Amino acid sequence: MLSNWIPAISLGAKGLIRRNRNSNPNPKIVCVQWFSFSSSKAPIDMAARDGELRVFLVAGEVSGDSIASRLMASLRLFSPFPLRFAGVGGAKMASEGLKSLFSMEDISVMGLWELLPHLYRIRVKLKETVEAAVLFEPHVVLTVDSKGFSFRFLKQLRARYSQNNLDFPSHFHYVAPSFWAWKGGEARLRGLAEFVDHLLCILPNEDRICRLNGLYATAVGHPVLEDVLELNLRNNSTIHEWRAKGNAEDFRNKYAVPAGATVISLLPGSRVQEVSRMLPIFSDTVELMKDTVPQLMTVIHVAPNEHVENFMAGAIHRWPVPVILIPGGTTQLRYDAFSACRVALCTSGTVAVELQLARLPCVVAYRAHILTEWYVRYKAKIQYMSLPNILLDKAIIPEALFQSCKPANLALLLNDLIHDGGCREEQIIAAQKFVELLLPSERTKHNLPQQHLRSYADYTPSAIAALTILNHGKPVTSI
């Protein structure tokens, strides 16, 4: 569970990315790959027998809720059979037809030391989730990120089916564990094959390393790319580049932003633990900046999490400058806000990728419990924490982490970024290169059933993931 909150790759990932540019040194070699399969029948065959495809899903955080909801929509688009969903998720999954067993926030816990007070509740929810999955009799079980809860759930569910001598449902996990971030992480991949049938990977060349360690895996691309497609669909425009463009004028008019104001986006996190830790630091940072930045305004993006919303409502009463609260569940509004801002300050996580997609320069920050920070320093093998810096192997985005994450340091970094157009332009230029690394690989697109996808824009991560699930157990040609 600890690695959920570290969106970083070790220095060893440099080699992975370079090899991805020439992942097949001998293009003449063609082989047939059979997907791992633990059940006596493929999911689509079981669906044909039962007249429906039953999918049990588990997402434990806001980003996972978004990923799963888009996958649910793609499954509905491509499946030849009616779908029925069950499991655990958030508001976006509910909009796709899921009635969650319980609030997703009940299992949304991060860190090591931070987890201890919640262990009993999580154990109760884990047992409840396993029981519900067995009763549902799914053909497919899909977990999204949140590996601490997800892997325990998949392992216990597989054990239950083994004890009862039943056909296993096929187990998929979306977002590979960050094996590259930890000492010995790659070696721990091998044990996952006992209860994970297929990994859906989102970063360059993760799938190749997983396969080398006995796991079947597909590189689907980074799910945040679908924000671009959603915005273009809403605005009836076509994709010329992978950039999420919002409407700054609409945002400024809607929220009466003064013409001369300097607006900063603040993204303190999606879990109440990290928000309660990071927001006071962000507030003190803004306090230090208000006298040096004329007409400073802040836009705070509030994650669609009831606990976060309640915490935020009380916190902004003491905010040092004018503030606009933006609900985090709306893609269009989020990118409209980004487009109206000069820079952003964010807690390390998926939002750093979203900001690159929006071409909004940012500073990345993070604090954790002191024991968690000590563990990370001892076990992790990372030079950077933000994914853009890792994949580009360069400190493009300023980072203030752990003991360095202090208001004075953050204020200095933000002031430099606000007043230095060259630094902002460097991030914007680098963002294009970074986003290109997140696209699905050509090998993955070659292996897909071509009749389902009409254009370049159809190769979305959720579409590739859905087709991988629906074709599980069938032979594919790989090169």
Protein backbone atom coordinates (compact mmCIF):
# COMPACT_ATOMS: atom_id res chain seq x y z
CA MET A 1 0.00 0.00 0.00
CA LEU A 2 2.88 2.37 0.73
CA SER A 3 3.95 2.59 -2.90
CA ASN A 4 0.49 3.81 -3.96
CA TRP A 5 1.45 7.32 -3.07
CA ILE A 6 4.87 7.35 -4.72
CA PRO A 7 4.38 8.16 -8.41
CA ALA A 8 8.03 7.76 -9.21
CA ILE A 9 10.42 5.43 -10.96
CA SER A 10 13.91 4.50 -9.90
CA LEU A 11 16.96 5.44 -11.88
CA GLY A 12 16.76 1.95 -13.35
CA ALA A 13 13.68 3.04 -15.26
CA LYS A 14 15.87 5.12 -17.58
CA GLY A 15 17.02 1.93 -19.21
CA LEU A 16 13.46 0.66 -19.48
CA ILE A 17 12.38 3.76 -21.33
CA ARG A 18 15.33 3.67 -23.70
CA ARG A 19 14.77 0.00 -24.47
CA ASN A 20 11.12 0.72 -25.17
CA ARG A 21 12.16 2.71 -28.22
CA ASN A 22 13.54 -0.50 -29.69
CA SER A 23 11.77 -3.14 -27.65
CA ASN A 24 12.08 -5.78 -30.38
CA PRO A 25 15.71 -6.06 -31.52
CA ASN A 26 14.77 -8.70 -34.11
CA PRO A 27 11.57 -7.67 -35.94
CA LYS A 28 11.63 -10.88 -38.00
CA ILE A 29 10.69 -12.93 -34.95
CA VAL A 30 6.95 -13.48 -34.71
CA CYS A 31 5.39 -15.63 -32.03
CA VAL A 32 1.95 -16.53 -30.77
CA GLN A 33 1.30 -15.50 -27.18
CA TRP A 34 -1.45 -17.17 -25.17
CA PHE A 35 -2.77 -15.13 -22.29
CA SER A 36 -2.56 -16.63 -18.81
CA PHE A 37 -5.79 -18.32 -17.94
CA SER A 38 -6.79 -19.86 -14.62
CA SER A 39 -10.44 -20.69 -15.28
CA SER A 40 -11.70 -23.57 -17.39
CA LYS A 41 -13.34 -21.08 -19.77
CA ALA A 42 -12.62 -17.63 -21.13
CA PRO A 43 -14.73 -14.82 -19.62
CA ILE A 44 -16.50 -14.22 -22.92
CA ASP A 45 -17.42 -17.94 -23.13
CA MET A 46 -18.78 -17.86 -19.60
CA ALA A 47 -20.80 -14.77 -20.53
CA ALA A 48 -22.21 -16.58 -23.56
CA ARG A 49 -23.29 -19.42 -21.28
CA ASP A 50 -24.98 -17.10 -18.75
CA GLY A 51 -26.34 -14.50 -21.17
CA GLU A 52 -24.47 -11.64 -19.47
CA LEU A 53 -20.95 -10.59 -18.52
CA ARG A 54 -20.58 -10.10 -14.78
CA VAL A 55 -17.71 -7.84 -13.70
CA PHE A 56 -16.71 -7.24 -10.08
CA LEU A 57 -14.63 -4.08 -9.65
CA VAL A 58 -12.70 -2.53 -6.76
CA ALA A 59 -11.33 1.03 -6.77
CA GLY A 60 -10.10 2.61 -3.55
CA GLU A 61 -9.28 6.18 -4.52
CA VAL A 62 -10.41 9.05 -6.71
CA SER A 63 -8.05 8.34 -9.61
CA GLY A 64 -9.05 4.67 -9.57
CA ASP A 65 -12.72 5.63 -9.66
CA SER A 66 -12.09 7.64 -12.82
CA ILE A 67 -10.06 4.87 -14.46
CA ALA A 68 -12.65 2.20 -13.65
CA SER A 69 -15.60 4.29 -14.82
CA ARG A 70 -14.05 4.79 -18.25
CA LEU A 71 -13.24 1.10 -18.48
CA MET A 72 -16.85 0.26 -17.59
CA ALA A 73 -18.05 2.49 -20.44
CA SER A 74 -15.63 0.83 -22.88
CA LEU A 75 -16.68 -2.66 -21.79
CA ARG A 76 -20.28 -1.72 -22.44
CA LEU A 77 -19.31 -0.42 -25.89
CA PHE A 78 -17.40 -3.53 -26.99
CA SER A 79 -19.07 -6.40 -25.14
CA PRO A 80 -21.39 -8.59 -27.25
CA PHE A 81 -23.35 -9.37 -24.06
CA PRO A 82 -25.21 -7.26 -21.48
CA LEU A 83 -23.04 -6.25 -18.53
CA ARG A 84 -23.71 -6.36 -14.82
CA PHE A 85 -21.37 -4.63 -12.39
CA ALA A 86 -20.80 -5.00 -8.65
CA GLY A 87 -18.05 -4.00 -6.25
CA VAL A 88 -16.56 -0.93 -4.60
CA GLY A 89 -16.13 2.48 -6.20
CA GLY A 90 -16.95 6.16 -6.19
CA ALA A 91 -19.25 8.64 -7.87
CA LYS A 92 -17.97 8.15 -11.41
CA MET A 93 -18.36 4.39 -11.24
CA ALA A 94 -21.87 4.92 -9.84
CA SER A 95 -22.70 6.96 -12.94
CA GLU A 96 -21.80 3.87 -15.01
CA GLY A 97 -24.13 1.62 -13.06
CA LEU A 98 -22.20 0.46 -9.99
CA LYS A 99 -23.91 0.35 -6.61
CA SER A 100 -20.92 0.37 -4.28
CA LEU A 101 -20.84 -2.05 -1.33
CA PHE A 102 -19.65 0.78 0.90
CA SER A 103 -18.03 4.20 0.62
CA MET A 104 -14.78 4.10 -1.31
CA GLU A 105 -13.24 6.37 1.34
CA ASP A 106 -13.42 3.50 3.86
CA ILE A 107 -10.42 1.84 2.18
CA SER A 108 -8.67 4.98 0.94
CA VAL A 109 -5.66 4.94 3.26
CA MET A 110 -2.05 5.62 2.34
CA GLY A 111 1.36 5.34 3.91
CA LEU A 112 2.80 2.92 6.45
CA TRP A 113 2.43 4.40 9.90
CA GLU A 114 -0.75 6.18 8.75
CA LEU A 115 -2.37 2.81 8.03
CA LEU A 116 -2.15 1.40 11.55
CA PRO A 117 -5.19 3.16 13.12
CA HIS A 118 -7.39 1.90 10.26
CA LEU A 119 -6.31 -1.76 10.13
CA TYR A 120 -9.38 -3.21 11.83
CA ARG A 121 -11.81 -1.32 9.59
CA ILE A 122 -9.91 -2.33 6.47
CA ARG A 123 -9.90 -5.99 7.51
CA VAL A 124 -13.67 -5.86 7.99
CA LYS A 125 -14.14 -4.24 4.57
CA LEU A 126 -11.80 -6.76 2.97
CA LYS A 127 -13.84 -9.67 4.29
CA GLU A 128 -17.07 -7.97 3.19
CA THR A 129 -15.69 -7.45 -0.31
CA VAL A 130 -14.56 -11.07 -0.69
CA GLU A 131 -17.96 -12.36 0.46
CA ALA A 132 -19.79 -10.06 -1.95
CA ALA A 133 -17.60 -11.15 -4.86
CA VAL A 134 -18.22 -14.85 -4.18
CA LEU A 135 -21.98 -14.28 -4.05
CA PHE A 136 -21.90 -12.25 -7.28
CA GLU A 137 -20.25 -15.12 -9.21
CA PRO A 138 -18.28 -12.83 -11.55
CA HIS A 139 -16.68 -13.78 -14.84
CA VAL A 140 -14.13 -10.98 -14.47
CA VAL A 141 -12.66 -9.42 -11.34
CA LEU A 142 -10.89 -6.10 -11.84
CA THR A 143 -9.00 -4.11 -9.22
CA VAL A 144 -7.61 -0.64 -9.89
CA ASP A 145 -4.41 0.59 -8.21
CA SER A 146 -4.64 0.66 -4.35
CA LYS A 147 -2.46 -2.42 -4.36
CA GLY A 148 -2.45 -2.94 -0.58
CA PHE A 149 -6.19 -3.66 -0.50
CA SER A 150 -6.46 -4.94 -4.08
CA PHE A 151 -3.84 -7.68 -3.85
CA ARG A 152 -5.10 -8.95 -0.50
CA PHE A 153 -8.60 -9.07 -1.95
CA LEU A 154 -7.52 -10.94 -5.11
CA LYS A 155 -5.41 -13.40 -3.11
CA GLN A 156 -8.20 -14.20 -0.65
CA LEU A 157 -10.79 -14.48 -3.41
CA ARG A 158 -8.63 -16.91 -5.40
CA ALA A 159 -8.14 -18.98 -2.24
CA ARG A 160 -11.90 -19.15 -1.68
CA TYR A 161 -12.49 -20.47 -5.19
CA SER A 162 -9.70 -23.01 -4.78
CA GLN A 163 -11.14 -24.29 -1.50
CA ASN A 164 -14.55 -24.80 -3.10
CA ASN A 165 -13.05 -26.36 -6.25
CA LEU A 166 -14.84 -23.84 -8.50
CA ASP A 167 -13.92 -22.30 -11.86
CA PHE A 168 -11.92 -19.13 -11.17
CA PRO A 169 -13.03 -15.79 -12.54
CA SER A 170 -10.25 -14.06 -14.44
CA HIS A 171 -8.36 -11.57 -12.28
CA PHE A 172 -7.13 -8.29 -13.76
CA HIS A 173 -5.26 -5.49 -12.02
CA TYR A 174 -5.17 -2.04 -13.65
CA VAL A 175 -2.04 0.09 -12.87
CA ALA A 176 0.98 -2.08 -12.19
CA PRO A 177 2.56 -1.87 -8.74
CA SER A 178 5.53 0.51 -8.62
CA PHE A 179 8.12 -2.26 -8.59
CA TRP A 180 10.66 0.11 -10.12
CA ALA A 181 10.52 2.44 -7.09
CA TRP A 182 11.68 -0.01 -4.44
CA LYS A 183 14.74 -2.08 -3.66
CA GLY A 184 13.86 -5.64 -4.60
CA GLY A 185 10.59 -4.53 -6.14
CA GLU A 186 11.03 -6.42 -9.39
CA ALA A 187 11.65 -9.71 -7.56
CA ARG A 188 8.33 -9.35 -5.73
CA LEU A 189 6.47 -9.31 -9.04
CA ARG A 190 6.85 -13.06 -9.42
CA GLY A 191 4.49 -13.85 -6.58
CA LEU A 192 1.63 -11.92 -8.15
CA ALA A 193 1.03 -14.58 -10.81
CA GLU A 194 -0.62 -16.76 -8.15
CA PHE A 195 -3.64 -14.46 -7.99
CA VAL A 196 -3.32 -11.90 -10.83
CA ASP A 197 -3.97 -13.27 -14.33
CA HIS A 198 -3.23 -10.08 -16.25
CA LEU A 199 -1.77 -6.66 -15.46
CA LEU A 200 -2.90 -3.57 -17.34
CA CYS A 201 0.19 -1.31 -17.32
CA ILE A 202 0.19 2.46 -17.82
CA LEU A 203 3.90 3.39 -18.00
CA PRO A 204 6.53 2.72 -20.68
CA ASN A 205 7.88 -0.81 -20.80
CA GLU A 206 6.33 -1.95 -17.52
CA ASP A 207 4.60 -4.72 -19.44
CA ARG A 208 7.90 -6.12 -20.73
CA ILE A 209 9.42 -6.31 -17.25
CA CYS A 210 6.26 -7.93 -15.90
CA ARG A 211 6.36 -10.60 -18.60
CA LEU A 212 10.02 -11.29 -17.85
CA ASN A 213 8.91 -12.02 -14.28
CA GLY A 214 6.14 -14.44 -15.22
CA LEU A 215 3.18 -12.05 -15.37
CA TYR A 216 1.01 -11.51 -18.41
CA ALA A 217 0.72 -7.79 -19.03
CA THR A 218 -0.48 -5.28 -21.60
CA ALA A 219 0.66 -1.67 -22.00
CA VAL A 220 -2.58 0.29 -22.34
CA GLY A 221 -1.24 3.84 -21.99
CA HIS A 222 -1.82 6.35 -19.22
CA PRO A 223 -5.52 6.87 -18.37
CA VAL A 224 -5.11 10.65 -17.98
CA LEU A 225 -4.79 10.86 -21.78
CA GLU A 226 -8.52 10.32 -21.96
CA ASP A 227 -9.07 13.78 -20.47
CA VAL A 228 -8.00 15.16 -23.86
CA LEU A 229 -10.55 13.02 -25.68
CA GLU A 230 -13.32 13.98 -23.25
CA LEU A 231 -12.64 17.69 -23.69
CA ASN A 232 -12.49 17.41 -27.47
CA LEU A 233 -15.75 15.48 -27.53
CA ARG A 234 -17.45 18.13 -25.41
CA ASN A 235 -16.14 20.92 -27.64
CA ASN A 236 -16.71 19.08 -30.95
CA SER A 237 -13.05 19.42 -31.93
CA THR A 238 -10.44 17.02 -33.24
CA ILE A 239 -7.10 16.05 -31.71
CA HIS A 240 -4.09 17.85 -33.19
CA GLU A 241 -1.85 17.25 -30.18
CA TRP A 242 -2.20 15.51 -26.84
CA ARG A 243 -3.02 18.64 -24.88
CA ALA A 244 -5.98 19.30 -22.59
CA LYS A 245 -7.18 22.81 -23.37
CA GLY A 246 -9.61 24.56 -21.06
CA ASN A 247 -11.45 27.85 -21.49
CA ALA A 248 -9.73 30.52 -19.39
CA GLU A 249 -12.14 33.28 -20.39
CA ASP A 250 -15.21 31.30 -19.33
CA PHE A 251 -13.62 30.49 -16.00
CA ARG A 252 -12.57 34.07 -15.27
CA ASN A 253 -16.02 35.38 -16.17
CA LYS A 254 -17.86 32.72 -14.16
CA TYR A 255 -15.86 33.41 -11.00
CA ALA A 256 -15.35 37.18 -11.53
CA VAL A 257 -11.55 36.94 -11.55
CA PRO A 258 -10.08 40.49 -11.82
CA ALA A 259 -8.16 41.20 -15.02
CA GLY A 260 -4.85 41.81 -13.25
CA ALA A 261 -5.03 38.93 -10.79
CA THR A 262 -2.30 36.28 -10.56
CA VAL A 263 -4.12 33.00 -10.10
CA ILE A 264 -2.50 29.85 -8.69
CA SER A 265 -4.03 26.37 -8.73
CA LEU A 266 -3.61 24.43 -5.50
CA LEU A 267 -4.10 20.65 -5.50
CA PRO A 268 -3.55 19.33 -1.96
CA GLY A 269 -4.52 15.69 -2.66
CA SER A 270 -7.45 13.32 -2.90
CA ARG A 271 -7.39 11.64 0.53
CA VAL A 272 -8.27 13.42 3.76
CA GLN A 273 -4.97 12.26 5.32
CA GLU A 274 -2.82 14.03 2.77
CA VAL A 275 -5.13 17.06 2.46
CA SER A 276 -5.12 17.64 6.23
CA ARG A 277 -1.33 17.45 6.17
CA MET A 278 -0.67 19.47 3.02
CA LEU A 279 -3.33 22.20 3.04
CA PRO A 280 -1.95 24.02 6.12
CA ILE A 281 1.48 24.05 4.43
CA PHE A 282 -0.10 25.46 1.26
CA SER A 283 -1.95 28.10 3.32
CA ASP A 284 1.26 29.26 5.01
CA THR A 285 2.96 29.34 1.60
CA VAL A 286 0.26 31.64 0.20
CA GLU A 287 0.52 33.82 3.31
CA LEU A 288 4.22 34.37 2.57
CA MET A 289 3.50 35.18 -1.08
CA LYS A 290 0.59 37.59 -0.79
CA ASP A 291 2.76 40.68 -0.25
CA THR A 292 5.11 39.94 -3.17
CA VAL A 293 2.56 38.84 -5.77
CA PRO A 294 -0.01 41.54 -6.60
CA GLN A 295 -3.68 40.52 -6.58
CA LEU A 296 -2.87 36.95 -5.68
CA MET A 297 -5.80 34.54 -5.93
CA THR A 298 -5.93 30.79 -5.40
CA VAL A 299 -8.06 28.08 -6.95
CA ILE A 300 -8.30 24.99 -4.73
CA HIS A 301 -9.33 21.76 -6.44
CA VAL A 302 -11.43 19.69 -4.04
CA ALA A 303 -11.38 15.93 -4.57
CA PRO A 304 -14.81 14.25 -4.80
CA ASN A 305 -14.39 12.75 -1.35
CA GLU A 306 -16.87 13.54 1.43
CA HIS A 307 -14.19 13.69 4.12
CA VAL A 308 -12.03 16.01 2.02
CA GLU A 309 -15.00 18.25 1.22
CA ASN A 310 -15.88 18.59 4.92
CA PHE A 311 -12.29 19.35 5.89
CA MET A 312 -11.95 21.93 3.12
CA ALA A 313 -15.15 23.72 4.10
CA GLY A 314 -13.72 24.50 7.52
CA ALA A 315 -10.19 25.27 6.38
CA ILE A 316 -10.93 28.06 3.88
CA HIS A 317 -12.50 30.35 6.49
CA ARG A 318 -8.96 31.28 7.53
CA TRP A 319 -7.54 31.49 4.01
CA PRO A 320 -5.09 34.41 3.54
CA VAL A 321 -6.14 35.50 0.01
CA PRO A 322 -9.29 35.29 -2.15
CA VAL A 323 -10.03 31.64 -2.93
CA ILE A 324 -12.20 29.72 -5.38
CA LEU A 325 -13.16 26.13 -4.63
CA ILE A 326 -13.50 23.82 -7.62
CA PRO A 327 -15.23 20.43 -7.33
CA GLY A 328 -12.73 17.84 -8.54
CA GLY A 329 -15.11 15.53 -10.35
CA THR A 330 -15.69 17.71 -13.42
CA THR A 331 -13.08 17.41 -16.17
CA GLN A 332 -14.09 20.51 -18.11
CA LEU A 333 -14.11 22.79 -15.06
CA ARG A 334 -10.77 21.45 -13.85
CA TYR A 335 -9.02 22.25 -17.12
CA ASP A 336 -10.82 25.59 -17.44
CA ALA A 337 -9.32 26.48 -14.06
CA PHE A 338 -5.87 25.28 -15.12
CA SER A 339 -6.02 27.45 -18.23
CA ALA A 340 -6.83 30.53 -16.13
CA CYS A 341 -3.84 30.06 -13.81
CA ARG A 342 -0.24 31.18 -14.06
CA VAL A 343 1.24 28.24 -12.12
CA ALA A 344 0.18 25.40 -9.81
CA LEU A 345 1.27 23.89 -6.51
CA CYS A 346 0.35 20.23 -6.15
CA THR A 347 0.77 17.28 -3.85
CA SER A 348 2.70 14.56 -5.66
CA GLY A 349 0.41 12.21 -7.57
CA THR A 350 -1.64 11.88 -10.74
CA VAL A 351 -2.35 15.62 -10.75
CA ALA A 352 1.24 16.27 -11.82
CA VAL A 353 0.45 14.37 -15.02
CA GLU A 354 -2.79 16.32 -15.51
CA LEU A 355 -0.90 19.58 -15.17
CA GLN A 356 1.55 18.51 -17.87
CA LEU A 357 -1.38 17.60 -20.09
CA ALA A 358 -2.73 21.13 -19.51
CA ARG A 359 0.75 22.64 -20.03
CA LEU A 360 0.48 24.43 -16.67
CA PRO A 361 3.90 24.86 -14.97
CA CYS A 362 3.92 23.59 -11.41
CA VAL A 363 5.80 22.84 -8.21
CA VAL A 364 5.41 19.39 -6.63
CA ALA A 365 5.33 18.98 -2.84
CA TYR A 366 4.98 16.14 -0.36
CA ARG A 367 5.06 15.41 3.37
CA ALA A 368 4.22 12.20 5.24
CA HIS A 369 4.49 10.85 8.76
CA ILE A 370 8.13 10.96 9.88
CA LEU A 371 8.33 7.15 10.14
CA THR A 372 6.88 6.74 6.68
CA GLU A 373 9.43 9.22 5.35
CA TRP A 374 12.22 7.28 7.03
CA TYR A 375 11.01 4.02 5.48
CA VAL A 376 10.87 5.59 2.03
CA ARG A 377 14.40 6.94 2.31
CA TYR A 378 15.62 3.49 3.36
CA LYS A 379 13.71 1.30 0.87
CA ALA A 380 13.08 3.50 -2.18
CA LYS A 381 15.54 3.96 -5.03
CA ILE A 382 14.27 7.19 -6.51
CA GLN A 383 15.93 10.42 -7.51
CA TYR A 384 12.72 12.27 -8.31
CA MET A 385 9.14 11.88 -7.15
CA SER A 386 7.10 13.47 -9.94
CA LEU A 387 6.51 11.22 -12.93
CA PRO A 388 7.47 13.83 -15.57
CA ASN A 389 10.90 14.26 -14.00
CA ILE A 390 11.35 10.50 -13.81
CA LEU A 391 10.44 9.67 -17.39
CA LEU A 392 12.41 12.60 -18.80
CA ASP A 393 15.33 11.92 -16.42
CA LYS A 394 15.62 15.61 -15.63
CA ALA A 395 14.47 17.94 -12.86
CA ILE A 396 12.03 19.83 -15.07
CA ILE A 397 9.49 20.32 -12.28
CA PRO A 398 10.76 21.77 -8.97
CA GLU A 399 10.15 19.36 -6.09
CA ALA A 400 9.97 20.07 -2.35
CA LEU A 401 9.75 16.75 -0.54
CA PHE A 402 9.64 15.60 3.08
CA GLN A 403 11.81 17.87 5.26
CA SER A 404 12.27 20.30 2.36
CA CYS A 405 8.52 20.75 2.04
CA LYS A 406 8.29 23.96 4.02
CA PRO A 407 6.28 27.12 3.25
CA ALA A 408 9.42 29.25 2.80
CA ASN A 409 10.85 26.83 0.24
CA LEU A 410 7.56 26.48 -1.61
CA ALA A 411 7.04 30.26 -1.70
CA LEU A 412 10.52 30.75 -3.16
CA LEU A 413 9.99 28.10 -5.86
CA LEU A 414 6.58 29.47 -6.82
CA ASN A 415 7.80 33.07 -6.94
CA ASP A 416 10.65 32.03 -9.21
CA LEU A 417 8.24 30.17 -11.49
CA ILE A 418 5.75 33.04 -11.60
CA HIS A 419 8.35 35.64 -12.53
CA ASP A 420 10.63 33.54 -14.75
CA GLY A 421 9.05 33.00 -18.15
CA GLY A 422 11.98 30.86 -19.24
CA CYS A 423 11.35 28.30 -16.49
CA ARG A 424 7.66 28.14 -17.35
CA GLU A 425 8.44 27.69 -21.04
CA GLU A 426 10.90 24.90 -20.26
CA GLN A 427 8.15 22.95 -18.47
CA ILE A 428 5.69 23.56 -21.30
CA ILE A 429 8.13 22.32 -23.96
CA ALA A 430 9.09 19.28 -21.88
CA ALA A 431 5.43 18.43 -21.30
CA GLN A 432 4.96 17.52 -24.97
CA LYS A 433 7.83 15.02 -24.83
CA PHE A 434 6.55 13.61 -21.56
CA VAL A 435 2.98 13.09 -22.79
CA GLU A 436 4.22 11.20 -25.86
CA LEU A 437 5.81 8.64 -23.52
CA LEU A 438 2.38 7.89 -22.04
CA LEU A 439 0.76 6.76 -25.29
CA PRO A 440 -0.06 3.09 -25.93
CA SER A 441 2.76 1.21 -27.62
CA GLU A 442 2.64 0.30 -31.30
CA ARG A 443 2.99 -3.37 -30.31
CA THR A 444 -0.17 -3.15 -28.21
CA LYS A 445 -2.13 -1.50 -31.00
CA HIS A 446 -0.90 -4.13 -33.47
CA ASN A 447 -2.22 -6.93 -31.25
CA LEU A 448 -5.74 -5.51 -30.88
CA PRO A 449 -8.72 -6.71 -32.91
CA GLN A 450 -8.61 -3.98 -35.56
CA GLN A 451 -12.28 -4.15 -36.46
CA HIS A 452 -13.20 -2.51 -33.16
CA LEU A 453 -11.07 0.62 -33.56
CA ARG A 454 -11.48 3.07 -36.39
CA SER A 455 -9.00 5.87 -35.76
CA TYR A 456 -5.95 6.92 -33.79
CA ALA A 457 -8.19 8.51 -31.15
CA ASP A 458 -9.98 5.19 -30.61
CA TYR A 459 -6.83 3.69 -29.08
CA THR A 460 -7.68 4.97 -25.61
CA PRO A 461 -6.33 3.24 -22.52
CA SER A 462 -9.84 2.18 -21.50
CA ALA A 463 -10.62 0.81 -24.96
CA ILE A 464 -7.38 -1.20 -25.03
CA ALA A 465 -8.01 -2.45 -21.49
CA ALA A 466 -11.59 -3.45 -22.34
CA LEU A 467 -10.55 -5.35 -25.47
CA THR A 468 -7.76 -7.07 -23.51
CA ILE A 469 -10.31 -8.29 -20.98
CA LEU A 470 -12.84 -9.37 -23.59
CA ASN A 471 -10.20 -11.29 -25.57
CA HIS A 472 -8.61 -12.89 -22.52
CA GLY A 473 -7.83 -16.56 -23.15
CA LYS A 474 -7.53 -16.17 -26.91
CA PRO A 475 -4.25 -16.36 -28.88
CA VAL A 476 -2.76 -13.13 -30.21
CA THR A 477 0.19 -12.50 -32.49
CA SER A 478 2.95 -10.45 -30.89
CA ILE A 479 6.02 -8.95 -32.50
